[in-house]
Structures are given as structure tokens and as C-alpha cells.
PDB file of all heavy atoms in Angstrom:
ATOM      1  N   ILE A   1     -72.976-238.556-172.388  1.00  0.00           N
ATOM      2  CA  ILE A   1     -72.505-239.547-171.412  1.00  0.00           C
ATOM      3  C   ILE A   1     -71.080-239.235-170.976  1.00  0.00           C
ATOM      4  O   ILE A   1     -70.751-239.263-169.784  1.00  0.00           O
ATOM      5  CB  ILE A   1     -72.591-240.964-172.006  1.00  0.00           C
ATOM      6  CG1 ILE A   1     -74.041-241.442-172.027  1.00  0.00           C
ATOM      7  CG2 ILE A   1     -71.730-241.962-171.227  1.00  0.00           C
ATOM      8  CD1 ILE A   1     -74.658-241.695-170.672  1.00  0.00           C
ATOM      9  N   GLU A   2     -70.201-238.935-171.946  1.00  0.00           N
ATOM     10  CA  GLU A   2     -68.806-238.652-171.617  1.00  0.00           C
ATOM     11  C   GLU A   2     -68.695-237.450-170.682  1.00  0.00           C
ATOM     12  O   GLU A   2     -67.956-237.485-169.695  1.00  0.00           O
ATOM     13  CB  GLU A   2     -68.006-238.409-172.905  1.00  0.00           C
ATOM     14  CG  GLU A   2     -67.812-239.665-173.737  1.00  0.00           C
ATOM     15  CD  GLU A   2     -66.941-239.419-174.953  1.00  0.00           C
ATOM     16  OE1 GLU A   2     -66.454-238.280-175.118  1.00  0.00           O
ATOM     17  OE2 GLU A   2     -66.737-240.360-175.741  1.00  0.00           O
ATOM     18  N   SER A   3     -69.435-236.404-170.984  1.00  0.00           N
ATOM     19  CA  SER A   3     -69.405-235.211-170.137  1.00  0.00           C
ATOM     20  C   SER A   3     -69.956-235.508-168.745  1.00  0.00           C
ATOM     21  O   SER A   3     -69.371-235.096-167.727  1.00  0.00           O
ATOM     22  CB  SER A   3     -70.219-234.096-170.803  1.00  0.00           C
ATOM     23  OG  SER A   3     -70.332-232.977-169.960  1.00  0.00           O
ATOM     24  N   LEU A   4     -71.063-236.233-168.707  1.00  0.00           N
ATOM     25  CA  LEU A   4     -71.702-236.562-167.433  1.00  0.00           C
ATOM     26  C   LEU A   4     -70.780-237.388-166.542  1.00  0.00           C
ATOM     27  O   LEU A   4     -70.607-237.097-165.350  1.00  0.00           O
ATOM     28  CB  LEU A   4     -73.000-237.337-167.695  1.00  0.00           C
ATOM     29  CG  LEU A   4     -73.831-237.695-166.460  1.00  0.00           C
ATOM     30  CD1 LEU A   4     -74.551-236.457-165.935  1.00  0.00           C
ATOM     31  CD2 LEU A   4     -74.839-238.794-166.788  1.00  0.00           C
ATOM     32  N   TYR A   5     -70.164-238.423-167.095  1.00  0.00           N
ATOM     33  CA  TYR A   5     -69.340-239.321-166.290  1.00  0.00           C
ATOM     34  C   TYR A   5     -68.051-238.643-165.822  1.00  0.00           C
ATOM     35  O   TYR A   5     -67.564-238.922-164.727  1.00  0.00           O
ATOM     36  CB  TYR A   5     -69.035-240.598-167.071  1.00  0.00           C
ATOM     37  CG  TYR A   5     -70.189-241.585-167.117  1.00  0.00           C
ATOM     38  CD1 TYR A   5     -71.504-241.180-166.900  1.00  0.00           C
ATOM     39  CD2 TYR A   5     -69.975-242.932-167.366  1.00  0.00           C
ATOM     40  CE1 TYR A   5     -72.554-242.062-166.943  1.00  0.00           C
ATOM     41  CE2 TYR A   5     -71.034-243.847-167.410  1.00  0.00           C
ATOM     42  CZ  TYR A   5     -72.323-243.404-167.190  1.00  0.00           C
ATOM     43  OH  TYR A   5     -73.365-244.292-167.225  1.00  0.00           O
ATOM     44  N   ARG A   6     -67.482-237.769-166.648  1.00  0.00           N
ATOM     45  CA  ARG A   6     -66.298-237.028-166.214  1.00  0.00           C
ATOM     46  C   ARG A   6     -66.631-236.120-165.028  1.00  0.00           C
ATOM     47  O   ARG A   6     -65.897-236.062-164.040  1.00  0.00           O
ATOM     48  CB  ARG A   6     -65.736-236.208-167.380  1.00  0.00           C
ATOM     49  CG  ARG A   6     -65.014-237.045-168.433  1.00  0.00           C
ATOM     50  CD  ARG A   6     -64.216-236.171-169.387  1.00  0.00           C
ATOM     51  NE  ARG A   6     -63.525-236.977-170.380  1.00  0.00           N
ATOM     52  CZ  ARG A   6     -63.946-237.166-171.625  1.00  0.00           C
ATOM     53  NH1 ARG A   6     -65.048-236.556-172.048  1.00  0.00           N
ATOM     54  NH2 ARG A   6     -63.254-237.925-172.458  1.00  0.00           N
ATOM     55  N   ASP A   7     -67.767-235.434-165.134  1.00  0.00           N
ATOM     56  CA  ASP A   7     -68.187-234.541-164.049  1.00  0.00           C
ATOM     57  C   ASP A   7     -68.563-235.321-162.795  1.00  0.00           C
ATOM     58  O   ASP A   7     -68.341-234.857-161.672  1.00  0.00           O
ATOM     59  CB  ASP A   7     -69.352-233.666-164.508  1.00  0.00           C
ATOM     60  CG  ASP A   7     -68.951-232.640-165.557  1.00  0.00           C
ATOM     61  OD1 ASP A   7     -67.734-232.381-165.694  1.00  0.00           O
ATOM     62  OD2 ASP A   7     -69.840-232.100-166.240  1.00  0.00           O
ATOM     63  N   TYR A   8     -69.117-236.495-163.004  1.00  0.00           N
ATOM     64  CA  TYR A   8     -69.462-237.379-161.876  1.00  0.00           C
ATOM     65  C   TYR A   8     -68.203-237.761-161.101  1.00  0.00           C
ATOM     66  O   TYR A   8     -68.161-237.702-159.862  1.00  0.00           O
ATOM     67  CB  TYR A   8     -70.181-238.615-162.425  1.00  0.00           C
ATOM     68  CG  TYR A   8     -70.521-239.684-161.422  1.00  0.00           C
ATOM     69  CD1 TYR A   8     -71.211-239.399-160.248  1.00  0.00           C
ATOM     70  CD2 TYR A   8     -70.189-241.014-161.673  1.00  0.00           C
ATOM     71  CE1 TYR A   8     -71.547-240.400-159.347  1.00  0.00           C
ATOM     72  CE2 TYR A   8     -70.524-242.027-160.788  1.00  0.00           C
ATOM     73  CZ  TYR A   8     -71.204-241.714-159.625  1.00  0.00           C
ATOM     74  OH  TYR A   8     -71.535-242.709-158.733  1.00  0.00           O
ATOM     75  N   GLY A   9     -67.147-238.154-161.807  1.00  0.00           N
ATOM     76  CA  GLY A   9     -65.882-238.501-161.160  1.00  0.00           C
ATOM     77  C   GLY A   9     -65.295-237.331-160.387  1.00  0.00           C
ATOM     78  O   GLY A   9     -64.813-237.501-159.251  1.00  0.00           O
ATOM     79  N   LYS A  10     -65.345-236.136-160.963  1.00  0.00           N
ATOM     80  CA  LYS A  10     -64.832-234.940-160.281  1.00  0.00           C
ATOM     81  C   LYS A  10     -65.620-234.678-159.003  1.00  0.00           C
ATOM     82  O   LYS A  10     -65.051-234.349-157.960  1.00  0.00           O
ATOM     83  CB  LYS A  10     -64.928-233.723-161.207  1.00  0.00           C
ATOM     84  CG  LYS A  10     -63.966-233.746-162.378  1.00  0.00           C
ATOM     85  CD  LYS A  10     -64.206-232.543-163.284  1.00  0.00           C
ATOM     86  CE  LYS A  10     -63.371-232.615-164.559  1.00  0.00           C
ATOM     87  NZ  LYS A  10     -63.702-231.502-165.487  1.00  0.00           N
ATOM     88  N   MET A  11     -66.940-234.818-159.088  1.00  0.00           N
ATOM     89  CA  MET A  11     -67.787-234.568-157.918  1.00  0.00           C
ATOM     90  C   MET A  11     -67.461-235.541-156.793  1.00  0.00           C
ATOM     91  O   MET A  11     -67.302-235.143-155.631  1.00  0.00           O
ATOM     92  CB  MET A  11     -69.262-234.677-158.316  1.00  0.00           C
ATOM     93  CG  MET A  11     -70.243-234.422-157.168  1.00  0.00           C
ATOM     94  SD  MET A  11     -70.596-235.899-156.162  1.00  0.00           S
ATOM     95  CE  MET A  11     -71.499-236.900-157.346  1.00  0.00           C
ATOM     96  N   VAL A  12     -67.328-236.832-157.113  1.00  0.00           N
ATOM     97  CA  VAL A  12     -67.033-237.841-156.094  1.00  0.00           C
ATOM     98  C   VAL A  12     -65.691-237.550-155.423  1.00  0.00           C
ATOM     99  O   VAL A  12     -65.560-237.621-154.198  1.00  0.00           O
ATOM    100  CB  VAL A  12     -67.053-239.260-156.701  1.00  0.00           C
ATOM    101  CG1 VAL A  12     -66.533-240.289-155.691  1.00  0.00           C
ATOM    102  CG2 VAL A  12     -68.464-239.638-157.148  1.00  0.00           C
ATOM    103  N   ARG A  13     -64.694-237.186-156.208  1.00  0.00           N
ATOM    104  CA  ARG A  13     -63.360-236.925-155.646  1.00  0.00           C
ATOM    105  C   ARG A  13     -63.328-235.663-154.787  1.00  0.00           C
ATOM    106  O   ARG A  13     -62.419-235.492-153.974  1.00  0.00           O
ATOM    107  CB  ARG A  13     -62.334-236.816-156.787  1.00  0.00           C
ATOM    108  CG  ARG A  13     -62.042-238.161-157.454  1.00  0.00           C
ATOM    109  CD  ARG A  13     -60.849-238.103-158.398  1.00  0.00           C
ATOM    110  NE  ARG A  13     -61.095-237.280-159.563  1.00  0.00           N
ATOM    111  CZ  ARG A  13     -61.717-237.683-160.669  1.00  0.00           C
ATOM    112  NH1 ARG A  13     -62.177-238.937-160.743  1.00  0.00           N
ATOM    113  NH2 ARG A  13     -61.890-236.882-161.689  1.00  0.00           N
ATOM    114  N   SER A  14     -64.337-234.796-154.926  1.00  0.00           N
ATOM    115  CA  SER A  14     -64.390-233.582-154.113  1.00  0.00           C
ATOM    116  C   SER A  14     -64.953-233.832-152.720  1.00  0.00           C
ATOM    117  O   SER A  14     -64.872-232.969-151.843  1.00  0.00           O
ATOM    118  CB  SER A  14     -65.249-232.519-154.808  1.00  0.00           C
ATOM    119  OG  SER A  14     -66.634-232.844-154.743  1.00  0.00           O
ATOM    120  N   LEU A  15     -65.552-235.011-152.511  1.00  0.00           N
ATOM    121  CA  LEU A  15     -66.187-235.321-151.227  1.00  0.00           C
ATOM    122  C   LEU A  15     -65.161-235.858-150.228  1.00  0.00           C
ATOM    123  O   LEU A  15     -64.115-236.368-150.604  1.00  0.00           O
ATOM    124  CB  LEU A  15     -67.302-236.349-151.441  1.00  0.00           C
ATOM    125  CG  LEU A  15     -68.450-235.905-152.359  1.00  0.00           C
ATOM    126  CD1 LEU A  15     -69.383-237.079-152.643  1.00  0.00           C
ATOM    127  CD2 LEU A  15     -69.229-234.746-151.747  1.00  0.00           C
ATOM    128  N   ASP A  16     -65.512-235.765-148.956  1.00  0.00           N
ATOM    129  CA  ASP A  16     -64.613-236.150-147.873  1.00  0.00           C
ATOM    130  C   ASP A  16     -64.741-237.643-147.575  1.00  0.00           C
ATOM    131  O   ASP A  16     -65.602-238.074-146.807  1.00  0.00           O
ATOM    132  CB  ASP A  16     -64.941-235.317-146.625  1.00  0.00           C
ATOM    133  CG  ASP A  16     -63.962-235.560-145.474  1.00  0.00           C
ATOM    134  OD1 ASP A  16     -62.984-236.301-145.681  1.00  0.00           O
ATOM    135  OD2 ASP A  16     -64.188-235.006-144.387  1.00  0.00           O
ATOM    136  N   ASN A  17     -63.869-238.428-148.229  1.00  0.00           N
ATOM    137  CA  ASN A  17     -63.820-239.872-147.979  1.00  0.00           C
ATOM    138  C   ASN A  17     -65.150-240.585-148.198  1.00  0.00           C
ATOM    139  O   ASN A  17     -65.545-241.455-147.426  1.00  0.00           O
ATOM    140  CB  ASN A  17     -63.306-240.153-146.562  1.00  0.00           C
ATOM    141  CG  ASN A  17     -61.794-240.082-146.495  1.00  0.00           C
ATOM    142  OD1 ASN A  17     -61.107-240.653-147.339  1.00  0.00           O
ATOM    143  ND2 ASN A  17     -61.281-239.359-145.511  1.00  0.00           N
ATOM    144  N   TRP A  18     -65.848-240.205-149.254  1.00  0.00           N
ATOM    145  CA  TRP A  18     -67.062-240.924-149.628  1.00  0.00           C
ATOM    146  C   TRP A  18     -66.701-242.103-150.529  1.00  0.00           C
ATOM    147  O   TRP A  18     -65.698-242.075-151.252  1.00  0.00           O
ATOM    148  CB  TRP A  18     -68.029-239.995-150.367  1.00  0.00           C
ATOM    149  CG  TRP A  18     -68.872-239.154-149.445  1.00  0.00           C
ATOM    150  CD1 TRP A  18     -68.430-238.294-148.492  1.00  0.00           C
ATOM    151  CD2 TRP A  18     -70.296-239.110-149.410  1.00  0.00           C
ATOM    152  NE1 TRP A  18     -69.490-237.703-147.857  1.00  0.00           N
ATOM    153  CE2 TRP A  18     -70.656-238.178-148.406  1.00  0.00           C
ATOM    154  CE3 TRP A  18     -71.308-239.724-150.118  1.00  0.00           C
ATOM    155  CZ2 TRP A  18     -71.975-237.871-148.102  1.00  0.00           C
ATOM    156  CZ3 TRP A  18     -72.628-239.430-149.828  1.00  0.00           C
ATOM    157  CH2 TRP A  18     -72.953-238.519-148.820  1.00  0.00           C
ATOM    158  N   CYS A  19     -67.541-243.129-150.495  1.00  0.00           N
ATOM    159  CA  CYS A  19     -67.449-244.247-151.433  1.00  0.00           C
ATOM    160  C   CYS A  19     -68.508-244.046-152.518  1.00  0.00           C
ATOM    161  O   CYS A  19     -69.591-243.516-152.233  1.00  0.00           O
ATOM    162  CB  CYS A  19     -67.701-245.571-150.729  1.00  0.00           C
ATOM    163  SG  CYS A  19     -66.547-245.935-149.396  1.00  0.00           S
ATOM    164  N   ALA A  20     -68.207-244.461-153.726  1.00  0.00           N
ATOM    165  CA  ALA A  20     -69.174-244.358-154.817  1.00  0.00           C
ATOM    166  C   ALA A  20     -69.329-245.717-155.496  1.00  0.00           C
ATOM    167  O   ALA A  20     -68.334-246.333-155.904  1.00  0.00           O
ATOM    168  CB  ALA A  20     -68.740-243.304-155.823  1.00  0.00           C
ATOM    169  N   TYR A  21     -70.566-246.183-155.602  1.00  0.00           N
ATOM    170  CA  TYR A  21     -70.891-247.435-156.284  1.00  0.00           C
ATOM    171  C   TYR A  21     -71.770-247.092-157.476  1.00  0.00           C
ATOM    172  O   TYR A  21     -72.818-246.460-157.318  1.00  0.00           O
ATOM    173  CB  TYR A  21     -71.627-248.384-155.343  1.00  0.00           C
ATOM    174  CG  TYR A  21     -70.758-248.928-154.239  1.00  0.00           C
ATOM    175  CD1 TYR A  21     -70.530-248.192-153.085  1.00  0.00           C
ATOM    176  CD2 TYR A  21     -70.138-250.178-154.363  1.00  0.00           C
ATOM    177  CE1 TYR A  21     -69.725-248.681-152.070  1.00  0.00           C
ATOM    178  CE2 TYR A  21     -69.334-250.675-153.347  1.00  0.00           C
ATOM    179  CZ  TYR A  21     -69.136-249.928-152.205  1.00  0.00           C
ATOM    180  OH  TYR A  21     -68.331-250.416-151.206  1.00  0.00           O
ATOM    181  N   THR A  22     -71.357-247.529-158.657  1.00  0.00           N
ATOM    182  CA  THR A  22     -72.008-247.112-159.883  1.00  0.00           C
ATOM    183  C   THR A  22     -72.309-248.305-160.772  1.00  0.00           C
ATOM    184  O   THR A  22     -71.406-249.096-161.084  1.00  0.00           O
ATOM    185  CB  THR A  22     -71.115-246.128-160.663  1.00  0.00           C
ATOM    186  OG1 THR A  22     -70.585-245.145-159.762  1.00  0.00           O
ATOM    187  CG2 THR A  22     -71.894-245.454-161.768  1.00  0.00           C
ATOM    188  N   LEU A  23     -73.563-248.437-161.192  1.00  0.00           N
ATOM    189  CA  LEU A  23     -73.965-249.480-162.130  1.00  0.00           C
ATOM    190  C   LEU A  23     -74.114-248.870-163.520  1.00  0.00           C
ATOM    191  O   LEU A  23     -74.887-247.927-163.706  1.00  0.00           O
ATOM    192  CB  LEU A  23     -75.291-250.110-161.704  1.00  0.00           C
ATOM    193  CG  LEU A  23     -75.798-251.250-162.589  1.00  0.00           C
ATOM    194  CD1 LEU A  23     -74.955-252.519-162.369  1.00  0.00           C
ATOM    195  CD2 LEU A  23     -77.273-251.540-162.324  1.00  0.00           C
ATOM    196  N   THR A  24     -73.375-249.391-164.488  1.00  0.00           N
ATOM    197  CA  THR A  24     -73.472-248.853-165.841  1.00  0.00           C
ATOM    198  C   THR A  24     -73.028-249.894-166.862  1.00  0.00           C
ATOM    199  O   THR A  24     -72.223-250.782-166.552  1.00  0.00           O
ATOM    200  CB  THR A  24     -72.614-247.579-166.003  1.00  0.00           C
ATOM    201  OG1 THR A  24     -72.719-247.108-167.358  1.00  0.00           O
ATOM    202  CG2 THR A  24     -71.158-247.833-165.675  1.00  0.00           C
ATOM    203  N   SER A  25     -73.534-249.755-168.077  1.00  0.00           N
ATOM    204  CA  SER A  25     -73.104-250.619-169.182  1.00  0.00           C
ATOM    205  C   SER A  25     -72.034-249.949-170.029  1.00  0.00           C
ATOM    206  O   SER A  25     -71.539-250.548-170.984  1.00  0.00           O
ATOM    207  CB  SER A  25     -74.308-250.972-170.069  1.00  0.00           C
ATOM    208  OG  SER A  25     -74.809-249.808-170.709  1.00  0.00           O
ATOM    209  N   VAL A  26     -71.674-248.718-169.694  1.00  0.00           N
ATOM    210  CA  VAL A  26     -70.648-247.987-170.445  1.00  0.00           C
ATOM    211  C   VAL A  26     -69.295-248.642-170.170  1.00  0.00           C
ATOM    212  O   VAL A  26     -68.801-248.628-169.038  1.00  0.00           O
ATOM    213  CB  VAL A  26     -70.641-246.495-170.052  1.00  0.00           C
ATOM    214  CG1 VAL A  26     -69.483-245.761-170.728  1.00  0.00           C
ATOM    215  CG2 VAL A  26     -71.970-245.845-170.422  1.00  0.00           C
ATOM    216  N   THR A  27     -68.681-249.216-171.200  1.00  0.00           N
ATOM    217  CA  THR A  27     -67.497-250.057-171.008  1.00  0.00           C
ATOM    218  C   THR A  27     -66.251-249.274-170.597  1.00  0.00           C
ATOM    219  O   THR A  27     -65.359-249.834-169.959  1.00  0.00           O
ATOM    220  CB  THR A  27     -67.201-250.858-172.284  1.00  0.00           C
ATOM    221  OG1 THR A  27     -67.093-249.947-173.394  1.00  0.00           O
ATOM    222  CG2 THR A  27     -68.317-251.860-172.568  1.00  0.00           C
ATOM    223  N   ASP A  28     -66.162-247.990-170.967  1.00  0.00           N
ATOM    224  CA  ASP A  28     -64.982-247.201-170.582  1.00  0.00           C
ATOM    225  C   ASP A  28     -65.296-246.258-169.426  1.00  0.00           C
ATOM    226  O   ASP A  28     -64.745-245.164-169.320  1.00  0.00           O
ATOM    227  CB  ASP A  28     -64.431-246.423-171.781  1.00  0.00           C
ATOM    228  CG  ASP A  28     -65.460-245.483-172.410  1.00  0.00           C
ATOM    229  OD1 ASP A  28     -66.661-245.635-172.126  1.00  0.00           O
ATOM    230  OD2 ASP A  28     -65.052-244.602-173.197  1.00  0.00           O
ATOM    231  N   PHE A  29     -66.163-246.709-168.537  1.00  0.00           N
ATOM    232  CA  PHE A  29     -66.574-245.884-167.407  1.00  0.00           C
ATOM    233  C   PHE A  29     -65.391-245.424-166.565  1.00  0.00           C
ATOM    234  O   PHE A  29     -65.302-244.259-166.174  1.00  0.00           O
ATOM    235  CB  PHE A  29     -67.568-246.653-166.528  1.00  0.00           C
ATOM    236  CG  PHE A  29     -67.833-245.997-165.203  1.00  0.00           C
ATOM    237  CD1 PHE A  29     -68.623-244.868-165.123  1.00  0.00           C
ATOM    238  CD2 PHE A  29     -67.259-246.494-164.030  1.00  0.00           C
ATOM    239  CE1 PHE A  29     -68.849-244.239-163.901  1.00  0.00           C
ATOM    240  CE2 PHE A  29     -67.483-245.876-162.809  1.00  0.00           C
ATOM    241  CZ  PHE A  29     -68.280-244.742-162.749  1.00  0.00           C
ATOM    242  N   GLU A  30     -64.468-246.330-166.251  1.00  0.00           N
ATOM    243  CA  GLU A  30     -63.351-245.969-165.381  1.00  0.00           C
ATOM    244  C   GLU A  30     -62.497-244.854-165.996  1.00  0.00           C
ATOM    245  O   GLU A  30     -62.046-243.944-165.290  1.00  0.00           O
ATOM    246  CB  GLU A  30     -62.488-247.206-165.101  1.00  0.00           C
ATOM    247  CG  GLU A  30     -63.166-248.212-164.179  1.00  0.00           C
ATOM    248  CD  GLU A  30     -62.447-249.547-164.135  1.00  0.00           C
ATOM    249  OE1 GLU A  30     -62.432-250.241-165.166  1.00  0.00           O
ATOM    250  OE2 GLU A  30     -61.903-249.894-163.075  1.00  0.00           O
ATOM    251  N   ARG A  31     -62.291-244.918-167.293  1.00  0.00           N
ATOM    252  CA  ARG A  31     -61.515-243.869-167.969  1.00  0.00           C
ATOM    253  C   ARG A  31     -62.233-242.536-167.868  1.00  0.00           C
ATOM    254  O   ARG A  31     -61.621-241.494-167.554  1.00  0.00           O
ATOM    255  CB  ARG A  31     -61.300-244.242-169.436  1.00  0.00           C
ATOM    256  CG  ARG A  31     -60.495-243.207-170.229  1.00  0.00           C
ATOM    257  CD  ARG A  31     -60.359-243.604-171.681  1.00  0.00           C
ATOM    258  NE  ARG A  31     -61.628-243.572-172.395  1.00  0.00           N
ATOM    259  CZ  ARG A  31     -62.174-242.444-172.897  1.00  0.00           C
ATOM    260  NH1 ARG A  31     -61.574-241.276-172.733  1.00  0.00           N
ATOM    261  NH2 ARG A  31     -63.321-242.512-173.554  1.00  0.00           N
ATOM    262  N   LEU A  32     -63.541-242.550-168.102  1.00  0.00           N
ATOM    263  CA  LEU A  32     -64.311-241.306-168.043  1.00  0.00           C
ATOM    264  C   LEU A  32     -64.412-240.787-166.608  1.00  0.00           C
ATOM    265  O   LEU A  32     -64.310-239.580-166.370  1.00  0.00           O
ATOM    266  CB  LEU A  32     -65.712-241.526-168.627  1.00  0.00           C
ATOM    267  CG  LEU A  32     -65.776-241.894-170.114  1.00  0.00           C
ATOM    268  CD1 LEU A  32     -67.188-242.295-170.502  1.00  0.00           C
ATOM    269  CD2 LEU A  32     -65.298-240.734-170.972  1.00  0.00           C
ATOM    270  N   PHE A  33     -64.590-241.679-165.665  1.00  0.00           N
ATOM    271  CA  PHE A  33     -64.686-241.308-164.249  1.00  0.00           C
ATOM    272  C   PHE A  33     -63.375-240.696-163.755  1.00  0.00           C
ATOM    273  O   PHE A  33     -63.359-239.838-162.880  1.00  0.00           O
ATOM    274  CB  PHE A  33     -65.042-242.552-163.432  1.00  0.00           C
ATOM    275  CG  PHE A  33     -65.286-242.309-161.974  1.00  0.00           C
ATOM    276  CD1 PHE A  33     -66.551-241.987-161.506  1.00  0.00           C
ATOM    277  CD2 PHE A  33     -64.249-242.416-161.054  1.00  0.00           C
ATOM    278  CE1 PHE A  33     -66.782-241.781-160.151  1.00  0.00           C
ATOM    279  CE2 PHE A  33     -64.469-242.209-159.701  1.00  0.00           C
ATOM    280  CZ  PHE A  33     -65.739-241.889-159.248  1.00  0.00           C
ATOM    281  N   GLY A  34     -62.271-241.154-164.329  1.00  0.00           N
ATOM    282  CA  GLY A  34     -60.967-240.595-163.991  1.00  0.00           C
ATOM    283  C   GLY A  34     -60.196-241.376-162.954  1.00  0.00           C
ATOM    284  O   GLY A  34     -59.157-240.927-162.474  1.00  0.00           O
ATOM    285  N   LYS A  35     -60.681-242.583-162.641  1.00  0.00           N
ATOM    286  CA  LYS A  35     -59.992-243.391-161.637  1.00  0.00           C
ATOM    287  C   LYS A  35     -60.402-244.844-161.791  1.00  0.00           C
ATOM    288  O   LYS A  35     -61.586-245.143-161.993  1.00  0.00           O
ATOM    289  CB  LYS A  35     -60.333-242.903-160.224  1.00  0.00           C
ATOM    290  CG  LYS A  35     -59.544-243.587-159.117  1.00  0.00           C
ATOM    291  CD  LYS A  35     -59.948-243.049-157.751  1.00  0.00           C
ATOM    292  CE  LYS A  35     -59.190-243.747-156.635  1.00  0.00           C
ATOM    293  NZ  LYS A  35     -59.651-243.293-155.300  1.00  0.00           N
ATOM    294  N   LYS A  36     -59.434-245.738-161.675  1.00  0.00           N
ATOM    295  CA  LYS A  36     -59.725-247.167-161.754  1.00  0.00           C
ATOM    296  C   LYS A  36     -60.509-247.593-160.517  1.00  0.00           C
ATOM    297  O   LYS A  36     -60.227-247.142-159.410  1.00  0.00           O
ATOM    298  CB  LYS A  36     -58.417-247.961-161.852  1.00  0.00           C
ATOM    299  CG  LYS A  36     -58.607-249.453-162.099  1.00  0.00           C
ATOM    300  CD  LYS A  36     -57.280-250.130-162.336  1.00  0.00           C
ATOM    301  CE  LYS A  36     -57.451-251.650-162.491  1.00  0.00           C
ATOM    302  NZ  LYS A  36     -58.319-252.007-163.625  1.00  0.00           N
ATOM    303  N   ALA A  37     -61.490-248.447-160.728  1.00  0.00           N
ATOM    304  CA  ALA A  37     -62.319-248.905-159.610  1.00  0.00           C
ATOM    305  C   ALA A  37     -61.524-249.810-158.675  1.00  0.00           C
ATOM    306  O   ALA A  37     -60.632-250.551-159.094  1.00  0.00           O
ATOM    307  CB  ALA A  37     -63.542-249.648-160.141  1.00  0.00           C
ATOM    308  N   ASP A  38     -61.852-249.747-157.391  1.00  0.00           N
ATOM    309  CA  ASP A  38     -61.250-250.650-156.411  1.00  0.00           C
ATOM    310  C   ASP A  38     -61.808-252.061-156.553  1.00  0.00           C
ATOM    311  O   ASP A  38     -61.118-253.043-156.296  1.00  0.00           O
ATOM    312  CB  ASP A  38     -61.505-250.134-154.994  1.00  0.00           C
ATOM    313  CG  ASP A  38     -60.819-248.798-154.749  1.00  0.00           C
ATOM    314  OD1 ASP A  38     -59.586-248.777-154.677  1.00  0.00           O
ATOM    315  OD2 ASP A  38     -61.529-247.778-154.659  1.00  0.00           O
ATOM    316  N   LYS A  39     -63.078-252.144-156.963  1.00  0.00           N
ATOM    317  CA  LYS A  39     -63.722-253.439-157.208  1.00  0.00           C
ATOM    318  C   LYS A  39     -64.654-253.292-158.397  1.00  0.00           C
ATOM    319  O   LYS A  39     -65.198-252.211-158.645  1.00  0.00           O
ATOM    320  CB  LYS A  39     -64.533-253.907-155.987  1.00  0.00           C
ATOM    321  CG  LYS A  39     -63.704-254.242-154.759  1.00  0.00           C
ATOM    322  CD  LYS A  39     -64.607-254.718-153.629  1.00  0.00           C
ATOM    323  CE  LYS A  39     -63.810-255.053-152.376  1.00  0.00           C
ATOM    324  NZ  LYS A  39     -64.695-255.489-151.263  1.00  0.00           N
ATOM    325  N   LYS A  40     -64.860-254.399-159.098  1.00  0.00           N
ATOM    326  CA  LYS A  40     -65.784-254.396-160.236  1.00  0.00           C
ATOM    327  C   LYS A  40     -66.487-255.742-160.290  1.00  0.00           C
ATOM    328  O   LYS A  40     -65.863-256.775-160.130  1.00  0.00           O
ATOM    329  CB  LYS A  40     -65.000-254.145-161.538  1.00  0.00           C
ATOM    330  CG  LYS A  40     -65.876-254.034-162.765  1.00  0.00           C
ATOM    331  CD  LYS A  40     -65.076-253.553-163.982  1.00  0.00           C
ATOM    332  CE  LYS A  40     -64.249-254.661-164.577  1.00  0.00           C
ATOM    333  NZ  LYS A  40     -63.666-254.272-165.889  1.00  0.00           N
ATOM    334  N   ARG A  41     -67.804-255.696-160.523  1.00  0.00           N
ATOM    335  CA  ARG A  41     -68.591-256.928-160.523  1.00  0.00           C
ATOM    336  C   ARG A  41     -69.607-256.878-161.657  1.00  0.00           C
ATOM    337  O   ARG A  41     -70.255-255.851-161.869  1.00  0.00           O
ATOM    338  CB  ARG A  41     -69.322-257.064-159.175  1.00  0.00           C
ATOM    339  CG  ARG A  41     -70.045-258.370-158.970  1.00  0.00           C
ATOM    340  CD  ARG A  41     -70.890-258.299-157.704  1.00  0.00           C
ATOM    341  NE  ARG A  41     -71.392-259.593-157.308  1.00  0.00           N
ATOM    342  CZ  ARG A  41     -70.860-260.350-156.370  1.00  0.00           C
ATOM    343  NH1 ARG A  41     -69.779-259.934-155.722  1.00  0.00           N
ATOM    344  NH2 ARG A  41     -71.390-261.519-156.048  1.00  0.00           N
ATOM    345  N   LYS A  42     -69.749-257.987-162.372  1.00  0.00           N
ATOM    346  CA  LYS A  42     -70.717-258.041-163.463  1.00  0.00           C
ATOM    347  C   LYS A  42     -72.123-258.280-162.913  1.00  0.00           C
ATOM    348  O   LYS A  42     -72.359-259.214-162.140  1.00  0.00           O
ATOM    349  CB  LYS A  42     -70.361-259.152-164.448  1.00  0.00           C
ATOM    350  CG  LYS A  42     -71.252-259.183-165.698  1.00  0.00           C
ATOM    351  CD  LYS A  42     -70.992-260.394-166.568  1.00  0.00           C
ATOM    352  CE  LYS A  42     -69.612-260.362-167.189  1.00  0.00           C
ATOM    353  NZ  LYS A  42     -69.409-261.512-168.118  1.00  0.00           N
TER     354      LYS A  42
END
């Protein structure tokens, strides 16, 4: 999971002004993704 989410964050940041919406129960997702979310909803 840690490897997957880190690579996921890198991939999203490589795109040209894309938005990414992610549903997950992993509590430290933002840390693994590498960026704090602009919005978060339960």
C-alpha cells in the first residue's frame, strides 16, 4: 500500500493540471500521496 500510494501521488503530479479524487480507508493517505488534500470528506 505504501509503495502504491507514493507512486500514485508521483503519477498525479506529473499530469498537466489534472484533479485527483481518491476514496480510501488508509488514514495516512495524504502523507503517502505526498501532498495535503485540498478537500476531504468522510
